Amino acid sequence: QLVESGGGLVQPGGSLRLSCASSGRT
């Protein structure tokens, strides 16, 4: 399972950080 977060609405020139947490053993 890959669970993402951090998306959203931002103005041009702005910043976001996306994260993705994995449950995979490998």
PDB file of all heavy atoms in Angstrom:
ATOM      1  N   GLN A   1       0.832  -1.192   0.000  1.00  0.00           N
ATOM      2  CA  GLN A   1       0.000   0.000   0.000  1.00  0.00           C
ATOM      3  C   GLN A   1       0.870   1.247   0.000  1.00  0.00           C
ATOM      4  O   GLN A   1       1.822   1.343   0.767  1.00  0.00           O
ATOM      5  CB  GLN A   1      -0.917   0.019   1.218  1.00  0.00           C
ATOM      6  CG  GLN A   1      -1.941  -1.100   1.249  1.00  0.00           C
ATOM      7  CD  GLN A   1      -2.870  -0.975   2.434  1.00  0.00           C
ATOM      8  OE1 GLN A   1      -3.448   0.084   2.685  1.00  0.00           O
ATOM      9  NE2 GLN A   1      -3.019  -2.067   3.166  1.00  0.00           N
ATOM     10  N   LEU A   2       0.525   2.165  -0.862  1.00  0.00           N
ATOM     11  CA  LEU A   2       1.189   3.452  -0.925  1.00  0.00           C
ATOM     12  C   LEU A   2       0.157   4.519  -0.604  1.00  0.00           C
ATOM     13  O   LEU A   2      -0.848   4.649  -1.306  1.00  0.00           O
ATOM     14  CB  LEU A   2       1.789   3.695  -2.310  1.00  0.00           C
ATOM     15  CG  LEU A   2       2.816   2.666  -2.795  1.00  0.00           C
ATOM     16  CD1 LEU A   2       3.234   2.968  -4.229  1.00  0.00           C
ATOM     17  CD2 LEU A   2       4.039   2.662  -1.885  1.00  0.00           C
ATOM     18  N   VAL A   3       0.399   5.255   0.446  1.00  0.00           N
ATOM     19  CA  VAL A   3      -0.548   6.255   0.913  1.00  0.00           C
ATOM     20  C   VAL A   3       0.053   7.633   0.734  1.00  0.00           C
ATOM     21  O   VAL A   3       1.084   7.951   1.334  1.00  0.00           O
ATOM     22  CB  VAL A   3      -0.929   6.018   2.382  1.00  0.00           C
ATOM     23  CG1 VAL A   3      -1.944   7.068   2.833  1.00  0.00           C
ATOM     24  CG2 VAL A   3      -1.502   4.620   2.566  1.00  0.00           C
ATOM     25  N   GLU A   4      -0.608   8.438  -0.067  1.00  0.00           N
ATOM     26  CA  GLU A   4      -0.102   9.756  -0.412  1.00  0.00           C
ATOM     27  C   GLU A   4      -0.789  10.841   0.398  1.00  0.00           C
ATOM     28  O   GLU A   4      -1.938  10.690   0.827  1.00  0.00           O
ATOM     29  CB  GLU A   4      -0.311  10.015  -1.902  1.00  0.00           C
ATOM     30  CG  GLU A   4       0.413   9.010  -2.782  1.00  0.00           C
ATOM     31  CD  GLU A   4      -0.062   9.058  -4.216  1.00  0.00           C
ATOM     32  OE1 GLU A   4      -1.191   9.531  -4.461  1.00  0.00           O
ATOM     33  OE2 GLU A   4       0.706   8.619  -5.092  1.00  0.00           O
ATOM     34  N   SER A   5      -0.078  11.930   0.559  1.00  0.00           N
ATOM     35  CA  SER A   5      -0.622  13.095   1.234  1.00  0.00           C
ATOM     36  C   SER A   5       0.121  14.335   0.762  1.00  0.00           C
ATOM     37  O   SER A   5       1.182  14.236   0.155  1.00  0.00           O
ATOM     38  CB  SER A   5      -0.519  12.957   2.756  1.00  0.00           C
ATOM     39  OG  SER A   5       0.833  12.859   3.169  1.00  0.00           O
ATOM     40  N   GLY A   6      -0.436  15.485   1.043  1.00  0.00           N
ATOM     41  CA  GLY A   6       0.236  16.740   0.757  1.00  0.00           C
ATOM     42  C   GLY A   6      -0.305  17.525  -0.413  1.00  0.00           C
ATOM     43  O   GLY A   6       0.121  18.663  -0.647  1.00  0.00           O
ATOM     44  N   GLY A   7      -1.216  16.941  -1.163  1.00  0.00           N
ATOM     45  CA  GLY A   7      -1.792  17.666  -2.275  1.00  0.00           C
ATOM     46  C   GLY A   7      -2.715  18.767  -1.798  1.00  0.00           C
ATOM     47  O   GLY A   7      -3.062  18.855  -0.623  1.00  0.00           O
ATOM     48  N   GLY A   8      -3.103  19.609  -2.726  1.00  0.00           N
ATOM     49  CA  GLY A   8      -3.999  20.692  -2.378  1.00  0.00           C
ATOM     50  C   GLY A   8      -3.989  21.780  -3.417  1.00  0.00           C
ATOM     51  O   GLY A   8      -3.499  21.612  -4.529  1.00  0.00           O
ATOM     52  N   LEU A   9      -4.537  22.903  -3.034  1.00  0.00           N
ATOM     53  CA  LEU A   9      -4.621  24.075  -3.898  1.00  0.00           C
ATOM     54  C   LEU A   9      -3.528  25.063  -3.522  1.00  0.00           C
ATOM     55  O   LEU A   9      -3.357  25.393  -2.345  1.00  0.00           O
ATOM     56  CB  LEU A   9      -5.993  24.731  -3.758  1.00  0.00           C
ATOM     57  CG  LEU A   9      -6.216  26.045  -4.501  1.00  0.00           C
ATOM     58  CD1 LEU A   9      -6.142  25.822  -6.005  1.00  0.00           C
ATOM     59  CD2 LEU A   9      -7.556  26.641  -4.105  1.00  0.00           C
ATOM     60  N   VAL A  10      -2.810  25.525  -4.520  1.00  0.00           N
ATOM     61  CA  VAL A  10      -1.732  26.472  -4.286  1.00  0.00           C
ATOM     62  C   VAL A  10      -1.699  27.485  -5.424  1.00  0.00           C
ATOM     63  O   VAL A  10      -2.084  27.181  -6.555  1.00  0.00           O
ATOM     64  CB  VAL A  10      -0.377  25.741  -4.157  1.00  0.00           C
ATOM     65  CG1 VAL A  10       0.006  25.073  -5.474  1.00  0.00           C
ATOM     66  CG2 VAL A  10       0.718  26.674  -3.683  1.00  0.00           C
ATOM     67  N   GLN A  11      -1.257  28.678  -5.120  1.00  0.00           N
ATOM     68  CA  GLN A  11      -1.134  29.713  -6.139  1.00  0.00           C
ATOM     69  C   GLN A  11       0.119  29.508  -6.974  1.00  0.00           C
ATOM     70  O   GLN A  11       1.094  28.910  -6.510  1.00  0.00           O
ATOM     71  CB  GLN A  11      -1.096  31.093  -5.488  1.00  0.00           C
ATOM     72  CG  GLN A  11      -2.385  31.492  -4.796  1.00  0.00           C
ATOM     73  CD  GLN A  11      -2.328  32.890  -4.229  1.00  0.00           C
ATOM     74  OE1 GLN A  11      -1.259  33.422  -3.953  1.00  0.00           O
ATOM     75  NE2 GLN A  11      -3.489  33.501  -4.052  1.00  0.00           N
ATOM     76  N   PRO A  12       0.111  29.998  -8.207  1.00  0.00           N
ATOM     77  CA  PRO A  12       1.321  29.919  -9.022  1.00  0.00           C
ATOM     78  C   PRO A  12       2.512  30.519  -8.287  1.00  0.00           C
ATOM     79  O   PRO A  12       2.402  31.565  -7.651  1.00  0.00           O
ATOM     80  CB  PRO A  12       0.960  30.731 -10.263  1.00  0.00           C
ATOM     81  CG  PRO A  12      -0.518  30.593 -10.375  1.00  0.00           C
ATOM     82  CD  PRO A  12      -1.012  30.602  -8.944  1.00  0.00           C
ATOM     83  N   GLY A  13       3.642  29.835  -8.373  1.00  0.00           N
ATOM     84  CA  GLY A  13       4.833  30.263  -7.665  1.00  0.00           C
ATOM     85  C   GLY A  13       4.954  29.687  -6.273  1.00  0.00           C
ATOM     86  O   GLY A  13       6.010  29.804  -5.641  1.00  0.00           O
ATOM     87  N   GLY A  14       3.913  29.061  -5.811  1.00  0.00           N
ATOM     88  CA  GLY A  14       3.917  28.478  -4.486  1.00  0.00           C
ATOM     89  C   GLY A  14       4.571  27.115  -4.447  1.00  0.00           C
ATOM     90  O   GLY A  14       5.081  26.619  -5.448  1.00  0.00           O
ATOM     91  N   SER A  15       4.527  26.511  -3.275  1.00  0.00           N
ATOM     92  CA  SER A  15       5.185  25.228  -3.054  1.00  0.00           C
ATOM     93  C   SER A  15       4.273  24.245  -2.348  1.00  0.00           C
ATOM     94  O   SER A  15       3.388  24.634  -1.574  1.00  0.00           O
ATOM     95  CB  SER A  15       6.448  25.411  -2.208  1.00  0.00           C
ATOM     96  OG  SER A  15       7.406  26.235  -2.851  1.00  0.00           O
ATOM     97  N   LEU A  16       4.503  22.993  -2.616  1.00  0.00           N
ATOM     98  CA  LEU A  16       3.855  21.899  -1.922  1.00  0.00           C
ATOM     99  C   LEU A  16       4.861  20.776  -1.757  1.00  0.00           C
ATOM    100  O   LEU A  16       5.768  20.632  -2.571  1.00  0.00           O
ATOM    101  CB  LEU A  16       2.643  21.363  -2.691  1.00  0.00           C
ATOM    102  CG  LEU A  16       1.364  22.186  -2.732  1.00  0.00           C
ATOM    103  CD1 LEU A  16       0.381  21.529  -3.697  1.00  0.00           C
ATOM    104  CD2 LEU A  16       0.746  22.296  -1.345  1.00  0.00           C
ATOM    105  N   ARG A  17       4.685  19.985  -0.730  1.00  0.00           N
ATOM    106  CA  ARG A  17       5.475  18.779  -0.576  1.00  0.00           C
ATOM    107  C   ARG A  17       4.551  17.585  -0.471  1.00  0.00           C
ATOM    108  O   ARG A  17       3.733  17.499   0.451  1.00  0.00           O
ATOM    109  CB  ARG A  17       6.383  18.828   0.648  1.00  0.00           C
ATOM    110  CG  ARG A  17       7.368  17.646   0.675  1.00  0.00           C
ATOM    111  CD  ARG A  17       8.331  17.670   1.837  1.00  0.00           C
ATOM    112  NE  ARG A  17       7.713  17.243   3.082  1.00  0.00           N
ATOM    113  CZ  ARG A  17       8.380  16.744   4.117  1.00  0.00           C
ATOM    114  NH1 ARG A  17       9.708  16.628   4.053  1.00  0.00           N
ATOM    115  NH2 ARG A  17       7.736  16.399   5.212  1.00  0.00           N
ATOM    116  N   LEU A  18       4.688  16.686  -1.410  1.00  0.00           N
ATOM    117  CA  LEU A  18       3.926  15.457  -1.396  1.00  0.00           C
ATOM    118  C   LEU A  18       4.696  14.378  -0.652  1.00  0.00           C
ATOM    119  O   LEU A  18       5.915  14.298  -0.748  1.00  0.00           O
ATOM    120  CB  LEU A  18       3.636  14.980  -2.820  1.00  0.00           C
ATOM    121  CG  LEU A  18       2.951  15.969  -3.764  1.00  0.00           C
ATOM    122  CD1 LEU A  18       2.676  15.302  -5.103  1.00  0.00           C
ATOM    123  CD2 LEU A  18       1.672  16.507  -3.148  1.00  0.00           C
ATOM    124  N   SER A  19       3.967  13.558   0.067  1.00  0.00           N
ATOM    125  CA  SER A  19       4.558  12.438   0.776  1.00  0.00           C
ATOM    126  C   SER A  19       3.851  11.161   0.366  1.00  0.00           C
ATOM    127  O   SER A  19       2.662  11.166   0.066  1.00  0.00           O
ATOM    128  CB  SER A  19       4.444  12.621   2.294  1.00  0.00           C
ATOM    129  OG  SER A  19       5.132  13.773   2.733  1.00  0.00           O
ATOM    130  N   CYS A  20       4.587  10.081   0.381  1.00  0.00           N
ATOM    131  CA  CYS A  20       4.026   8.777   0.061  1.00  0.00           C
ATOM    132  C   CYS A  20       4.642   7.754   0.993  1.00  0.00           C
ATOM    133  O   CYS A  20       5.845   7.495   0.931  1.00  0.00           O
ATOM    134  CB  CYS A  20       4.306   8.418  -1.399  1.00  0.00           C
ATOM    135  SG  CYS A  20       3.787   6.759  -1.883  1.00  0.00           S
ATOM    136  N   ALA A  21       3.821   7.200   1.843  1.00  0.00           N
ATOM    137  CA  ALA A  21       4.273   6.201   2.805  1.00  0.00           C
ATOM    138  C   ALA A  21       3.917   4.811   2.307  1.00  0.00           C
ATOM    139  O   ALA A  21       2.796   4.565   1.872  1.00  0.00           O
ATOM    140  CB  ALA A  21       3.642   6.455   4.169  1.00  0.00           C
ATOM    141  N   SER A  22       4.876   3.904   2.395  1.00  0.00           N
ATOM    142  CA  SER A  22       4.705   2.556   1.880  1.00  0.00           C
ATOM    143  C   SER A  22       4.635   1.529   2.993  1.00  0.00           C
ATOM    144  O   SER A  22       5.336   1.632   4.006  1.00  0.00           O
ATOM    145  CB  SER A  22       5.856   2.193   0.943  1.00  0.00           C
ATOM    146  OG  SER A  22       5.782   0.842   0.532  1.00  0.00           O
ATOM    147  N   SER A  23       3.805   0.525   2.780  1.00  0.00           N
ATOM    148  CA  SER A  23       3.739  -0.605   3.701  1.00  0.00           C
ATOM    149  C   SER A  23       4.548  -1.790   3.191  1.00  0.00           C
ATOM    150  O   SER A  23       4.610  -2.825   3.838  1.00  0.00           O
ATOM    151  CB  SER A  23       2.289  -1.037   3.915  1.00  0.00           C
ATOM    152  OG  SER A  23       1.716  -1.539   2.715  1.00  0.00           O
ATOM    153  N   GLY A  24       5.175  -1.654   2.047  1.00  0.00           N
ATOM    154  CA  GLY A  24       5.895  -2.742   1.426  1.00  0.00           C
ATOM    155  C   GLY A  24       7.159  -3.136   2.176  1.00  0.00           C
ATOM    156  O   GLY A  24       7.936  -2.274   2.600  1.00  0.00           O
ATOM    157  N   ARG A  25       7.359  -4.435   2.306  1.00  0.00           N
ATOM    158  CA  ARG A  25       8.546  -4.926   3.001  1.00  0.00           C
ATOM    159  C   ARG A  25       9.823  -4.731   2.199  1.00  0.00           C
ATOM    160  O   ARG A  25      10.912  -4.748   2.771  1.00  0.00           O
ATOM    161  CB  ARG A  25       8.365  -6.407   3.339  1.00  0.00           C
ATOM    162  CG  ARG A  25       7.288  -6.683   4.372  1.00  0.00           C
ATOM    163  CD  ARG A  25       7.283  -8.149   4.773  1.00  0.00           C
ATOM    164  NE  ARG A  25       6.904  -9.023   3.679  1.00  0.00           N
ATOM    165  CZ  ARG A  25       5.662  -9.353   3.381  1.00  0.00           C
ATOM    166  NH1 ARG A  25       4.658  -8.874   4.114  1.00  0.00           N
ATOM    167  NH2 ARG A  25       5.409 -10.150   2.360  1.00  0.00           N
ATOM    168  N   THR A  26       9.690  -4.552   0.901  1.00  0.00           N
ATOM    169  CA  THR A  26      10.843  -4.378   0.031  1.00  0.00           C
ATOM    170  C   THR A  26      11.082  -2.931  -0.359  1.00  0.00           C
ATOM    171  O   THR A  26      11.809  -2.651  -1.313  1.00  0.00           O
ATOM    172  CB  THR A  26      10.693  -5.229  -1.243  1.00  0.00           C
ATOM    173  OG1 THR A  26       9.520  -4.820  -1.955  1.00  0.00           O
ATOM    174  CG2 THR A  26      10.589  -6.704  -0.890  1.00  0.00           C
TER     175      THR A  26
END
